[in-house]
Amino acid sequence: MTAQTDAVGAYGERVAMRTLALAGLTILDRNWRCAEGEIDLIARDERVIVFCEVKTRRSRWFGQPIDAVTATRVRRLRGAATAWLAAHPQHRGEVRFDVIGVWPQRSGPARVEHVVGAF
């Protein structure tokens, strides 16, 4: 990845974190890594643990953000979520996987699409 790509991704994660917080979710973890992969954001929505994949796009050239969440990525996210739950036994509850797509705009706030229970 280039520094610019990293910066765009980090921006998208900040926007997504703010989106979740404004929706009343509590952020539990960010950029959690394990052998199975990385989880961008982990939050609590009342009794539900939410594992959130964030995809930031500067244009629609590569499609919708949710299109980038392939079957392979879903398997890795599920494995990482299992590892996170094992490492954090104090957090129990129903589990949900969300995807947040972020499109930075030339001016004004980014456009955000939050797909609840994406898979």
PDB file of N, CA and C in Angstrom:
ATOM      1  N   MET A   1       0.834  -1.193   0.000  1.00  0.00           N
ATOM      2  CA  MET A   1       0.000   0.000   0.000  1.00  0.00           C
ATOM      3  C   MET A   1       0.868   1.242   0.000  1.00  0.00           C
ATOM      4  N   THR A   2       0.367   2.273  -0.604  1.00  0.00           N
ATOM      5  CA  THR A   2       1.086   3.542  -0.601  1.00  0.00           C
ATOM      6  C   THR A   2       0.667   4.343   0.625  1.00  0.00           C
ATOM      7  N   ALA A   3       1.437   5.369   0.912  1.00  0.00           N
ATOM      8  CA  ALA A   3       1.110   6.242   2.040  1.00  0.00           C
ATOM      9  C   ALA A   3      -0.247   6.903   1.824  1.00  0.00           C
ATOM     10  N   GLN A   4      -0.548   7.264   0.574  1.00  0.00           N
ATOM     11  CA  GLN A   4      -1.834   7.896   0.280  1.00  0.00           C
ATOM     12  C   GLN A   4      -2.990   6.916   0.516  1.00  0.00           C
ATOM     13  N   THR A   5      -2.823   5.665   0.094  1.00  0.00           N
ATOM     14  CA  THR A   5      -3.852   4.648   0.307  1.00  0.00           C
ATOM     15  C   THR A   5      -4.057   4.420   1.803  1.00  0.00           C
ATOM     16  N   ASP A   6      -2.952   4.344   2.553  1.00  0.00           N
ATOM     17  CA  ASP A   6      -3.051   4.183   4.008  1.00  0.00           C
ATOM     18  C   ASP A   6      -3.803   5.351   4.634  1.00  0.00           C
ATOM     19  N   ALA A   7      -3.515   6.574   4.180  1.00  0.00           N
ATOM     20  CA  ALA A   7      -4.171   7.760   4.738  1.00  0.00           C
ATOM     21  C   ALA A   7      -5.667   7.755   4.431  1.00  0.00           C
ATOM     22  N   VAL A   8      -6.032   7.352   3.219  1.00  0.00           N
ATOM     23  CA  VAL A   8      -7.456   7.278   2.850  1.00  0.00           C
ATOM     24  C   VAL A   8      -8.150   6.232   3.711  1.00  0.00           C
ATOM     25  N   GLY A   9      -7.520   5.081   3.896  1.00  0.00           N
ATOM     26  CA  GLY A   9      -8.095   4.029   4.732  1.00  0.00           C
ATOM     27  C   GLY A   9      -8.263   4.468   6.179  1.00  0.00           C
ATOM     28  N   ALA A  10      -7.252   5.140   6.719  1.00  0.00           N
ATOM     29  CA  ALA A  10      -7.325   5.633   8.097  1.00  0.00           C
ATOM     30  C   ALA A  10      -8.441   6.667   8.242  1.00  0.00           C
ATOM     31  N   TYR A  11      -8.586   7.532   7.248  1.00  0.00           N
ATOM     32  CA  TYR A  11      -9.675   8.511   7.258  1.00  0.00           C
ATOM     33  C   TYR A  11     -11.027   7.784   7.289  1.00  0.00           C
ATOM     34  N   GLY A  12     -11.189   6.793   6.427  1.00  0.00           N
ATOM     35  CA  GLY A  12     -12.435   6.039   6.378  1.00  0.00           C
ATOM     36  C   GLY A  12     -12.752   5.369   7.698  1.00  0.00           C
ATOM     37  N   GLU A  13     -11.736   4.828   8.353  1.00  0.00           N
ATOM     38  CA  GLU A  13     -11.963   4.186   9.648  1.00  0.00           C
ATOM     39  C   GLU A  13     -12.394   5.203  10.707  1.00  0.00           C
ATOM     40  N   ARG A  14     -11.811   6.406  10.669  1.00  0.00           N
ATOM     41  CA  ARG A  14     -12.235   7.447  11.622  1.00  0.00           C
ATOM     42  C   ARG A  14     -13.691   7.848  11.377  1.00  0.00           C
ATOM     43  N   VAL A  15     -14.052   7.992  10.099  1.00  0.00           N
ATOM     44  CA  VAL A  15     -15.437   8.339   9.755  1.00  0.00           C
ATOM     45  C   VAL A  15     -16.374   7.220  10.209  1.00  0.00           C
ATOM     46  N   ALA A  16     -15.992   5.975   9.957  1.00  0.00           N
ATOM     47  CA  ALA A  16     -16.823   4.832  10.344  1.00  0.00           C
ATOM     48  C   ALA A  16     -16.973   4.756  11.867  1.00  0.00           C
ATOM     49  N   MET A  17     -15.892   4.992  12.585  1.00  0.00           N
ATOM     50  CA  MET A  17     -15.949   4.962  14.047  1.00  0.00           C
ATOM     51  C   MET A  17     -16.912   6.040  14.562  1.00  0.00           C
ATOM     52  N   ARG A  18     -16.838   7.216  13.979  1.00  0.00           N
ATOM     53  CA  ARG A  18     -17.737   8.306  14.377  1.00  0.00           C
ATOM     54  C   ARG A  18     -19.185   7.947  14.029  1.00  0.00           C
ATOM     55  N   THR A  19     -19.399   7.302  12.874  1.00  0.00           N
ATOM     56  CA  THR A  19     -20.743   6.884  12.460  1.00  0.00           C
ATOM     57  C   THR A  19     -21.324   5.902  13.468  1.00  0.00           C
ATOM     58  N   LEU A  20     -20.531   4.927  13.881  1.00  0.00           N
ATOM     59  CA  LEU A  20     -21.004   3.944  14.852  1.00  0.00           C
ATOM     60  C   LEU A  20     -21.295   4.609  16.200  1.00  0.00           C
ATOM     61  N   ALA A  21     -20.398   5.485  16.634  1.00  0.00           N
ATOM     62  CA  ALA A  21     -20.594   6.165  17.918  1.00  0.00           C
ATOM     63  C   ALA A  21     -21.860   7.027  17.897  1.00  0.00           C
ATOM     64  N   LEU A  22     -22.097   7.747  16.799  1.00  0.00           N
ATOM     65  CA  LEU A  22     -23.301   8.578  16.686  1.00  0.00           C
ATOM     66  C   LEU A  22     -24.576   7.733  16.655  1.00  0.00           C
ATOM     67  N   ALA A  23     -24.441   6.474  16.216  1.00  0.00           N
ATOM     68  CA  ALA A  23     -25.585   5.561  16.197  1.00  0.00           C
ATOM     69  C   ALA A  23     -25.798   4.897  17.558  1.00  0.00           C
ATOM     70  N   GLY A  24     -24.958   5.256  18.531  1.00  0.00           N
ATOM     71  CA  GLY A  24     -25.136   4.746  19.885  1.00  0.00           C
ATOM     72  C   GLY A  24     -24.322   3.509  20.221  1.00  0.00           C
ATOM     73  N   LEU A  25     -23.450   3.079  19.333  1.00  0.00           N
ATOM     74  CA  LEU A  25     -22.613   1.922  19.607  1.00  0.00           C
ATOM     75  C   LEU A  25     -21.387   2.352  20.408  1.00  0.00           C
ATOM     76  N   THR A  26     -20.869   1.442  21.212  1.00  0.00           N
ATOM     77  CA  THR A  26     -19.659   1.673  21.981  1.00  0.00           C
ATOM     78  C   THR A  26     -18.505   0.976  21.275  1.00  0.00           C
ATOM     79  N   ILE A  27     -17.458   1.708  20.967  1.00  0.00           N
ATOM     80  CA  ILE A  27     -16.298   1.138  20.303  1.00  0.00           C
ATOM     81  C   ILE A  27     -15.490   0.356  21.338  1.00  0.00           C
ATOM     82  N   LEU A  28     -15.235  -0.914  21.042  1.00  0.00           N
ATOM     83  CA  LEU A  28     -14.471  -1.773  21.942  1.00  0.00           C
ATOM     84  C   LEU A  28     -13.019  -1.931  21.500  1.00  0.00           C
ATOM     85  N   ASP A  29     -12.799  -1.942  20.197  1.00  0.00           N
ATOM     86  CA  ASP A  29     -11.449  -2.181  19.686  1.00  0.00           C
ATOM     87  C   ASP A  29     -11.349  -1.646  18.261  1.00  0.00           C
ATOM     88  N   ARG A  30     -10.115  -1.418  17.839  1.00  0.00           N
ATOM     89  CA  ARG A  30      -9.868  -0.877  16.493  1.00  0.00           C
ATOM     90  C   ARG A  30      -8.608  -1.509  15.933  1.00  0.00           C
ATOM     91  N   ASN A  31      -8.660  -1.938  14.669  1.00  0.00           N
ATOM     92  CA  ASN A  31      -7.508  -2.532  13.988  1.00  0.00           C
ATOM     93  C   ASN A  31      -6.898  -3.686  14.783  1.00  0.00           C
ATOM     94  N   TRP A  32      -7.766  -4.578  15.237  1.00  0.00           N
ATOM     95  CA  TRP A  32      -7.312  -5.731  16.022  1.00  0.00           C
ATOM     96  C   TRP A  32      -6.773  -6.786  15.071  1.00  0.00           C
ATOM     97  N   ARG A  33      -5.548  -7.252  15.358  1.00  0.00           N
ATOM     98  CA  ARG A  33      -4.889  -8.219  14.479  1.00  0.00           C
ATOM     99  C   ARG A  33      -4.631  -9.536  15.200  1.00  0.00           C
ATOM    100  N   CYS A  34      -4.700 -10.608  14.413  1.00  0.00           N
ATOM    101  CA  CYS A  34      -4.356 -11.944  14.890  1.00  0.00           C
ATOM    102  C   CYS A  34      -3.894 -12.751  13.686  1.00  0.00           C
ATOM    103  N   ALA A  35      -3.605 -14.012  13.870  1.00  0.00           N
ATOM    104  CA  ALA A  35      -3.127 -14.860  12.770  1.00  0.00           C
ATOM    105  C   ALA A  35      -4.147 -14.953  11.638  1.00  0.00           C
ATOM    106  N   GLU A  36      -5.435 -14.868  11.965  1.00  0.00           N
ATOM    107  CA  GLU A  36      -6.488 -14.990  10.964  1.00  0.00           C
ATOM    108  C   GLU A  36      -6.675 -13.720  10.136  1.00  0.00           C
ATOM    109  N   GLY A  37      -6.207 -12.594  10.634  1.00  0.00           N
ATOM    110  CA  GLY A  37      -6.360 -11.342   9.904  1.00  0.00           C
ATOM    111  C   GLY A  37      -6.603 -10.163  10.822  1.00  0.00           C
ATOM    112  N   GLU A  38      -7.216  -9.137  10.275  1.00  0.00           N
ATOM    113  CA  GLU A  38      -7.463  -7.893  11.009  1.00  0.00           C
ATOM    114  C   GLU A  38      -8.945  -7.559  10.974  1.00  0.00           C
ATOM    115  N   ILE A  39      -9.412  -7.013  12.088  1.00  0.00           N
ATOM    116  CA  ILE A  39     -10.784  -6.505  12.165  1.00  0.00           C
ATOM    117  C   ILE A  39     -10.667  -4.996  12.331  1.00  0.00           C
ATOM    118  N   ASP A  40     -11.312  -4.251  11.424  1.00  0.00           N
ATOM    119  CA  ASP A  40     -11.182  -2.792  11.445  1.00  0.00           C
ATOM    120  C   ASP A  40     -11.762  -2.191  12.720  1.00  0.00           C
ATOM    121  N   LEU A  41     -13.020  -2.497  13.016  1.00  0.00           N
ATOM    122  CA  LEU A  41     -13.682  -1.941  14.203  1.00  0.00           C
ATOM    123  C   LEU A  41     -14.504  -3.022  14.878  1.00  0.00           C
ATOM    124  N   ILE A  42     -14.482  -2.990  16.200  1.00  0.00           N
ATOM    125  CA  ILE A  42     -15.310  -3.886  16.992  1.00  0.00           C
ATOM    126  C   ILE A  42     -16.085  -2.994  17.951  1.00  0.00           C
ATOM    127  N   ALA A  43     -17.398  -3.191  17.981  1.00  0.00           N
ATOM    128  CA  ALA A  43     -18.255  -2.321  18.786  1.00  0.00           C
ATOM    129  C   ALA A  43     -19.325  -3.148  19.494  1.00  0.00           C
ATOM    130  N   ARG A  44     -19.986  -2.508  20.429  1.00  0.00           N
ATOM    131  CA  ARG A  44     -21.114  -3.128  21.117  1.00  0.00           C
ATOM    132  C   ARG A  44     -22.356  -2.305  20.812  1.00  0.00           C
ATOM    133  N   ASP A  45     -23.390  -3.003  20.370  1.00  0.00           N
ATOM    134  CA  ASP A  45     -24.700  -2.400  20.118  1.00  0.00           C
ATOM    135  C   ASP A  45     -25.660  -3.065  21.087  1.00  0.00           C
ATOM    136  N   GLU A  46     -25.760  -2.486  22.276  1.00  0.00           N
ATOM    137  CA  GLU A  46     -26.493  -3.082  23.391  1.00  0.00           C
ATOM    138  C   GLU A  46     -25.918  -4.458  23.706  1.00  0.00           C
ATOM    139  N   ARG A  47     -26.619  -5.539  23.375  1.00  0.00           N
ATOM    140  CA  ARG A  47     -26.132  -6.884  23.701  1.00  0.00           C
ATOM    141  C   ARG A  47     -25.439  -7.560  22.524  1.00  0.00           C
ATOM    142  N   VAL A  48     -25.246  -6.838  21.441  1.00  0.00           N
ATOM    143  CA  VAL A  48     -24.675  -7.406  20.222  1.00  0.00           C
ATOM    144  C   VAL A  48     -23.234  -6.920  20.044  1.00  0.00           C
ATOM    145  N   ILE A  49     -22.326  -7.871  19.786  1.00  0.00           N
ATOM    146  CA  ILE A  49     -20.946  -7.525  19.447  1.00  0.00           C
ATOM    147  C   ILE A  49     -20.905  -7.371  17.921  1.00  0.00           C
ATOM    148  N   VAL A  50     -20.447  -6.209  17.465  1.00  0.00           N
ATOM    149  CA  VAL A  50     -20.443  -5.894  16.041  1.00  0.00           C
ATOM    150  C   VAL A  50     -19.004  -5.863  15.529  1.00  0.00           C
ATOM    151  N   PHE A  51     -18.728  -6.732  14.562  1.00  0.00           N
ATOM    152  CA  PHE A  51     -17.440  -6.747  13.883  1.00  0.00           C
ATOM    153  C   PHE A  51     -17.654  -6.013  12.564  1.00  0.00           C
ATOM    154  N   CYS A  52     -16.900  -4.948  12.362  1.00  0.00           N
ATOM    155  CA  CYS A  52     -17.169  -4.055  11.238  1.00  0.00           C
ATOM    156  C   CYS A  52     -15.976  -3.952  10.301  1.00  0.00           C
ATOM    157  N   GLU A  53     -16.229  -4.248   9.045  1.00  0.00           N
ATOM    158  CA  GLU A  53     -15.233  -4.073   7.986  1.00  0.00           C
ATOM    159  C   GLU A  53     -15.488  -2.705   7.354  1.00  0.00           C
ATOM    160  N   VAL A  54     -14.434  -1.918   7.216  1.00  0.00           N
ATOM    161  CA  VAL A  54     -14.549  -0.576   6.643  1.00  0.00           C
ATOM    162  C   VAL A  54     -13.851  -0.569   5.292  1.00  0.00           C
ATOM    163  N   LYS A  55     -14.557  -0.095   4.275  1.00  0.00           N
ATOM    164  CA  LYS A  55     -13.997   0.044   2.937  1.00  0.00           C
ATOM    165  C   LYS A  55     -14.170   1.488   2.497  1.00  0.00           C
ATOM    166  N   THR A  56     -13.056   2.116   2.148  1.00  0.00           N
ATOM    167  CA  THR A  56     -13.081   3.508   1.713  1.00  0.00           C
ATOM    168  C   THR A  56     -12.717   3.555   0.234  1.00  0.00           C
ATOM    169  N   ARG A  57     -13.509   4.283  -0.514  1.00  0.00           N
ATOM    170  CA  ARG A  57     -13.297   4.404  -1.956  1.00  0.00           C
ATOM    171  C   ARG A  57     -13.291   5.878  -2.335  1.00  0.00           C
ATOM    172  N   ARG A  58     -12.343   6.253  -3.171  1.00  0.00           N
ATOM    173  CA  ARG A  58     -12.301   7.638  -3.655  1.00  0.00           C
ATOM    174  C   ARG A  58     -13.186   7.828  -4.865  1.00  0.00           C
ATOM    175  N   SER A  59     -13.578   6.713  -5.505  1.00  0.00           N
ATOM    176  CA  SER A  59     -14.488   6.792  -6.654  1.00  0.00           C
ATOM    177  C   SER A  59     -15.255   5.479  -6.740  1.00  0.00           C
ATOM    178  N   ARG A  60     -16.196   5.429  -7.667  1.00  0.00           N
ATOM    179  CA  ARG A  60     -16.964   4.199  -7.879  1.00  0.00           C
ATOM    180  C   ARG A  60     -16.287   3.275  -8.907  1.00  0.00           C
ATOM    181  N   TRP A  61     -15.096   3.643  -9.357  1.00  0.00           N
ATOM    182  CA  TRP A  61     -14.387   2.887 -10.377  1.00  0.00           C
ATOM    183  C   TRP A  61     -14.247   1.409  -9.999  1.00  0.00           C
ATOM    184  N   PHE A  62     -13.991   1.136  -8.716  1.00  0.00           N
ATOM    185  CA  PHE A  62     -13.809  -0.240  -8.258  1.00  0.00           C
ATOM    186  C   PHE A  62     -15.079  -0.824  -7.647  1.00  0.00           C
ATOM    187  N   GLY A  63     -16.211  -0.164  -7.853  1.00  0.00           N
ATOM    188  CA  GLY A  63     -17.486  -0.696  -7.375  1.00  0.00           C
ATOM    189  C   GLY A  63     -17.833  -0.243  -5.970  1.00  0.00           C
ATOM    190  N   GLN A  64     -18.895  -0.820  -5.471  1.00  0.00           N
ATOM    191  CA  GLN A  64     -19.372  -0.508  -4.124  1.00  0.00           C
ATOM    192  C   GLN A  64     -18.435  -1.130  -3.089  1.00  0.00           C
ATOM    193  N   PRO A  65     -18.273  -0.501  -1.940  1.00  0.00           N
ATOM    194  CA  PRO A  65     -17.387  -1.060  -0.913  1.00  0.00           C
ATOM    195  C   PRO A  65     -17.761  -2.490  -0.514  1.00  0.00           C
ATOM    196  N   ILE A  66     -19.038  -2.776  -0.408  1.00  0.00           N
ATOM    197  CA  ILE A  66     -19.427  -4.123   0.019  1.00  0.00           C
ATOM    198  C   ILE A  66     -18.993  -5.173  -1.001  1.00  0.00           C
ATOM    199  N   ASP A  67     -18.832  -4.767  -2.269  1.00  0.00           N
ATOM    200  CA  ASP A  67     -18.374  -5.697  -3.303  1.00  0.00           C
ATOM    201  C   ASP A  67     -16.954  -6.180  -3.036  1.00  0.00           C
ATOM    202  N   ALA A  68     -16.181  -5.412  -2.277  1.00  0.00           N
ATOM    203  CA  ALA A  68     -14.801  -5.782  -1.966  1.00  0.00           C
ATOM    204  C   ALA A  68     -14.716  -6.807  -0.848  1.00  0.00           C
ATOM    205  N   VAL A  69     -15.844  -7.097  -0.213  1.00  0.00           N
ATOM    206  CA  VAL A  69     -15.854  -8.081   0.866  1.00  0.00           C
ATOM    207  C   VAL A  69     -16.197  -9.435   0.238  1.00  0.00           C
ATOM    208  N   THR A  70     -15.150 -10.132  -0.181  1.00  0.00           N
ATOM    209  CA  THR A  70     -15.281 -11.403  -0.880  1.00  0.00           C
ATOM    210  C   THR A  70     -15.529 -12.551   0.105  1.00  0.00           C
ATOM    211  N   ALA A  71     -15.827 -13.721  -0.428  1.00  0.00           N
ATOM    212  CA  ALA A  71     -16.031 -14.911   0.406  1.00  0.00           C
ATOM    213  C   ALA A  71     -14.777 -15.219   1.232  1.00  0.00           C
ATOM    214  N   THR A  72     -13.615 -15.014   0.629  1.00  0.00           N
ATOM    215  CA  THR A  72     -12.361 -15.239   1.357  1.00  0.00           C
ATOM    216  C   THR A  72     -12.241 -14.265   2.520  1.00  0.00           C
ATOM    217  N   ARG A  73     -12.581 -13.001   2.267  1.00  0.00           N
ATOM    218  CA  ARG A  73     -12.514 -11.991   3.331  1.00  0.00           C
ATOM    219  C   ARG A  73     -13.516 -12.309   4.435  1.00  0.00           C
ATOM    220  N   VAL A  74     -14.706 -12.757   4.072  1.00  0.00           N
ATOM    221  CA  VAL A  74     -15.721 -13.125   5.066  1.00  0.00           C
ATOM    222  C   VAL A  74     -15.184 -14.243   5.961  1.00  0.00           C
ATOM    223  N   ARG A  75     -14.559 -15.274   5.363  1.00  0.00           N
ATOM    224  CA  ARG A  75     -13.995 -16.383   6.155  1.00  0.00           C
ATOM    225  C   ARG A  75     -12.931 -15.871   7.123  1.00  0.00           C
ATOM    226  N   ARG A  76     -12.077 -14.989   6.628  1.00  0.00           N
ATOM    227  CA  ARG A  76     -11.016 -14.442   7.493  1.00  0.00           C
ATOM    228  C   ARG A  76     -11.603 -13.596   8.629  1.00  0.00           C
ATOM    229  N   LEU A  77     -12.620 -12.799   8.310  1.00  0.00           N
ATOM    230  CA  LEU A  77     -13.259 -11.983   9.350  1.00  0.00           C
ATOM    231  C   LEU A  77     -13.923 -12.852  10.407  1.00  0.00           C
ATOM    232  N   ARG A  78     -14.595 -13.898   9.976  1.00  0.00           N
ATOM    233  CA  ARG A  78     -15.229 -14.812  10.942  1.00  0.00           C
ATOM    234  C   ARG A  78     -14.181 -15.477  11.832  1.00  0.00           C
ATOM    235  N   GLY A  79     -13.070 -15.887  11.235  1.00  0.00           N
ATOM    236  CA  GLY A  79     -11.990 -16.485  12.024  1.00  0.00           C
ATOM    237  C   GLY A  79     -11.385 -15.500  13.005  1.00  0.00           C
ATOM    238  N   ALA A  80     -11.167 -14.283  12.547  1.00  0.00           N
ATOM    239  CA  ALA A  80     -10.617 -13.243  13.426  1.00  0.00           C
ATOM    240  C   ALA A  80     -11.609 -12.904  14.538  1.00  0.00           C
ATOM    241  N   ALA A  81     -12.898 -12.868  14.216  1.00  0.00           N
ATOM    242  CA  ALA A  81     -13.914 -12.588  15.237  1.00  0.00           C
ATOM    243  C   ALA A  81     -13.922 -13.682  16.304  1.00  0.00           C
ATOM    244  N   THR A  82     -13.794 -14.921  15.882  1.00  0.00           N
ATOM    245  CA  THR A  82     -13.726 -16.038  16.836  1.00  0.00           C
ATOM    246  C   THR A  82     -12.516 -15.871  17.754  1.00  0.00           C
ATOM    247  N   ALA A  83     -11.371 -15.498  17.175  1.00  0.00           N
ATOM    248  CA  ALA A  83     -10.160 -15.277  17.965  1.00  0.00           C
ATOM    249  C   ALA A  83     -10.340 -14.105  18.930  1.00  0.00           C
ATOM    250  N   TRP A  84     -10.979 -13.017  18.465  1.00  0.00           N
ATOM    251  CA  TRP A  84     -11.194 -11.854  19.337  1.00  0.00           C
ATOM    252  C   TRP A  84     -12.093 -12.237  20.516  1.00  0.00           C
ATOM    253  N   LEU A  85     -13.152 -12.972  20.244  1.00  0.00           N
ATOM    254  CA  LEU A  85     -14.058 -13.389  21.317  1.00  0.00           C
ATOM    255  C   LEU A  85     -13.335 -14.278  22.329  1.00  0.00           C
ATOM    256  N   ALA A  86     -12.457 -15.165  21.844  1.00  0.00           N
ATOM    257  CA  ALA A  86     -11.689 -16.027  22.748  1.00  0.00           C
ATOM    258  C   ALA A  86     -10.723 -15.206  23.601  1.00  0.00           C
ATOM    259  N   ALA A  87     -10.174 -14.145  23.024  1.00  0.00           N
ATOM    260  CA  ALA A  87      -9.219 -13.293  23.738  1.00  0.00           C
ATOM    261  C   ALA A  87      -9.900 -12.297  24.681  1.00  0.00           C
ATOM    262  N   HIS A  88     -11.209 -12.112  24.523  1.00  0.00           N
ATOM    263  CA  HIS A  88     -11.951 -11.138  25.331  1.00  0.00           C
ATOM    264  C   HIS A  88     -13.199 -11.803  25.934  1.00  0.00           C
ATOM    265  N   PRO A  89     -13.010 -12.728  26.856  1.00  0.00           N
ATOM    266  CA  PRO A  89     -14.158 -13.470  27.409  1.00  0.00           C
ATOM    267  C   PRO A  89     -15.144 -12.587  28.170  1.00  0.00           C
ATOM    268  N   GLN A  90     -14.741 -11.390  28.544  1.00  0.00           N
ATOM    269  CA  GLN A  90     -15.649 -10.491  29.251  1.00  0.00           C
ATOM    270  C   GLN A  90     -16.742  -9.944  28.334  1.00  0.00           C
ATOM    271  N   HIS A  91     -16.540 -10.059  27.031  1.00  0.00           N
ATOM    272  CA  HIS A  91     -17.524  -9.564  26.062  1.00  0.00           C
ATOM    273  C   HIS A  91     -18.283 -10.739  25.475  1.00  0.00           C
ATOM    274  N   ARG A  92     -19.527 -10.828  25.828  1.00  0.00           N
ATOM    275  CA  ARG A  92     -20.385 -11.903  25.327  1.00  0.00           C
ATOM    276  C   ARG A  92     -21.650 -11.301  24.762  1.00  0.00           C
ATOM    277  N   GLY A  93     -22.250 -12.006  23.870  1.00  0.00           N
ATOM    278  CA  GLY A  93     -23.507 -11.558  23.289  1.00  0.00           C
ATOM    279  C   GLY A  93     -23.662 -12.088  21.891  1.00  0.00           C
ATOM    280  N   GLU A  94     -24.757 -11.721  21.274  1.00  0.00           N
ATOM    281  CA  GLU A  94     -24.986 -12.067  19.882  1.00  0.00           C
ATOM    282  C   GLU A  94     -23.903 -11.392  19.048  1.00  0.00           C
ATOM    283  N   VAL A  95     -23.590 -11.956  17.889  1.00  0.00           N
ATOM    284  CA  VAL A  95     -22.547 -11.412  17.017  1.00  0.00           C
ATOM    285  C   VAL A  95     -23.173 -10.967  15.709  1.00  0.00           C
ATOM    286  N   ARG A  96     -22.656  -9.843  15.184  1.00  0.00           N
ATOM    287  CA  ARG A  96     -23.138  -9.316  13.911  1.00  0.00           C
ATOM    288  C   ARG A  96     -21.929  -8.797  13.125  1.00  0.00           C
ATOM    289  N   PHE A  97     -22.010  -8.940  11.800  1.00  0.00           N
ATOM    290  CA  PHE A  97     -20.957  -8.437  10.920  1.00  0.00           C
ATOM    291  C   PHE A  97     -21.539  -7.334  10.047  1.00  0.00           C
ATOM    292  N   ASP A  98     -20.961  -6.132  10.146  1.00  0.00           N
ATOM    293  CA  ASP A  98     -21.392  -4.977   9.365  1.00  0.00           C
ATOM    294  C   ASP A  98     -20.280  -4.572   8.406  1.00  0.00           C
ATOM    295  N   VAL A  99     -20.668  -3.864   7.366  1.00  0.00           N
ATOM    296  CA  VAL A  99     -19.710  -3.232   6.455  1.00  0.00           C
ATOM    297  C   VAL A  99     -20.083  -1.760   6.372  1.00  0.00           C
ATOM    298  N   ILE A 100     -19.079  -0.910   6.489  1.00  0.00           N
ATOM    299  CA  ILE A 100     -19.294   0.531   6.308  1.00  0.00           C
ATOM    300  C   ILE A 100     -18.464   0.978   5.119  1.00  0.00           C
ATOM    301  N   GLY A 101     -19.146   1.551   4.141  1.00  0.00           N
ATOM    302  CA  GLY A 101     -18.494   2.128   2.976  1.00  0.00           C
ATOM    303  C   GLY A 101     -18.385   3.633   3.151  1.00  0.00           C
ATOM    304  N   VAL A 102     -17.214   4.164   2.851  1.00  0.00           N
ATOM    305  CA  VAL A 102     -16.962   5.601   3.007  1.00  0.00           C
ATOM    306  C   VAL A 102     -16.429   6.146   1.690  1.00  0.00           C
ATOM    307  N   TRP A 103     -17.051   7.229   1.217  1.00  0.00           N
ATOM    308  CA  TRP A 103     -16.592   7.948   0.028  1.00  0.00           C
ATOM    309  C   TRP A 103     -16.257   9.370   0.444  1.00  0.00           C
ATOM    310  N   PRO A 104     -14.966   9.729   0.560  1.00  0.00           N
ATOM    311  CA  PRO A 104     -14.612  11.118   0.856  1.00  0.00           C
ATOM    312  C   PRO A 104     -15.115  12.024  -0.273  1.00  0.00           C
ATOM    313  N   GLN A 105     -15.551  13.205   0.097  1.00  0.00           N
ATOM    314  CA  GLN A 105     -16.055  14.186  -0.883  1.00  0.00           C
ATOM    315  C   GLN A 105     -15.048  15.316  -1.006  1.00  0.00           C
ATOM    316  N   ARG A 106     -15.082  16.015  -2.140  1.00  0.00           N
ATOM    317  CA  ARG A 106     -14.164  17.147  -2.339  1.00  0.00           C
ATOM    318  C   ARG A 106     -14.396  18.234  -1.295  1.00  0.00           C
ATOM    319  N   SER A 107     -15.652  18.407  -0.919  1.00  0.00           N
ATOM    320  CA  SER A 107     -15.956  19.358   0.150  1.00  0.00           C
ATOM    321  C   SER A 107     -17.126  18.796   0.958  1.00  0.00           C
ATOM    322  N   GLY A 108     -17.149  19.122   2.208  1.00  0.00           N
ATOM    323  CA  GLY A 108     -18.215  18.639   3.080  1.00  0.00           C
ATOM    324  C   GLY A 108     -17.924  17.245   3.615  1.00  0.00           C
ATOM    325  N   PRO A 109     -18.881  16.710   4.339  1.00  0.00           N
ATOM    326  CA  PRO A 109     -18.667  15.405   4.979  1.00  0.00           C
ATOM    327  C   PRO A 109     -18.635  14.267   3.957  1.00  0.00           C
ATOM    328  N   ALA A 110     -17.996  13.200   4.337  1.00  0.00           N
ATOM    329  CA  ALA A 110     -17.933  12.009   3.498  1.00  0.00           C
ATOM    330  C   ALA A 110     -19.321  11.392   3.376  1.00  0.00           C
ATOM    331  N   ARG A 111     -19.535  10.680   2.289  1.00  0.00           N
ATOM    332  CA  ARG A 111     -20.776   9.912   2.121  1.00  0.00           C
ATOM    333  C   ARG A 111     -20.521   8.544   2.753  1.00  0.00           C
ATOM    334  N   VAL A 112     -21.471   8.097   3.572  1.00  0.00           N
ATOM    335  CA  VAL A 112     -21.295   6.861   4.329  1.00  0.00           C
ATOM    336  C   VAL A 112     -22.467   5.941   4.083  1.00  0.00           C
ATOM    337  N   GLU A 113     -22.182   4.665   3.836  1.00  0.00           N
ATOM    338  CA  GLU A 113     -23.205   3.645   3.727  1.00  0.00           C
ATOM    339  C   GLU A 113     -22.890   2.560   4.766  1.00  0.00           C
ATOM    340  N   HIS A 114     -23.820   2.337   5.688  1.00  0.00           N
ATOM    341  CA  HIS A 114     -23.647   1.342   6.749  1.00  0.00           C
ATOM    342  C   HIS A 114     -24.568   0.170   6.465  1.00  0.00           C
ATOM    343  N   VAL A 115     -23.985  -0.980   6.133  1.00  0.00           N
ATOM    344  CA  VAL A 115     -24.755  -2.183   5.865  1.00  0.00           C
ATOM    345  C   VAL A 115     -24.733  -3.027   7.139  1.00  0.00           C
ATOM    346  N   VAL A 116     -25.865  -3.031   7.823  1.00  0.00           N
ATOM    347  CA  VAL A 116     -25.999  -3.770   9.093  1.00  0.00           C
ATOM    348  C   VAL A 116     -26.269  -5.235   8.765  1.00  0.00           C
ATOM    349  N   GLY A 117     -25.536  -6.129   9.426  1.00  0.00           N
ATOM    350  CA  GLY A 117     -25.733  -7.557   9.195  1.00  0.00           C
ATOM    351  C   GLY A 117     -25.433  -7.925   7.752  1.00  0.00           C
ATOM    352  N   ALA A 118     -24.289  -7.456   7.247  1.00  0.00           N
ATOM    353  CA  ALA A 118     -23.938  -7.645   5.827  1.00  0.00           C
ATOM    354  C   ALA A 118     -23.746  -9.113   5.459  1.00  0.00           C
ATOM    355  N   PHE A 119     -23.299  -9.920   6.410  1.00  0.00           N
ATOM    356  CA  PHE A 119     -23.108 -11.345   6.163  1.00  0.00           C
ATOM    357  C   PHE A 119     -23.150 -12.102   7.461  1.00  0.00           C
TER     358      PHE A 119
END
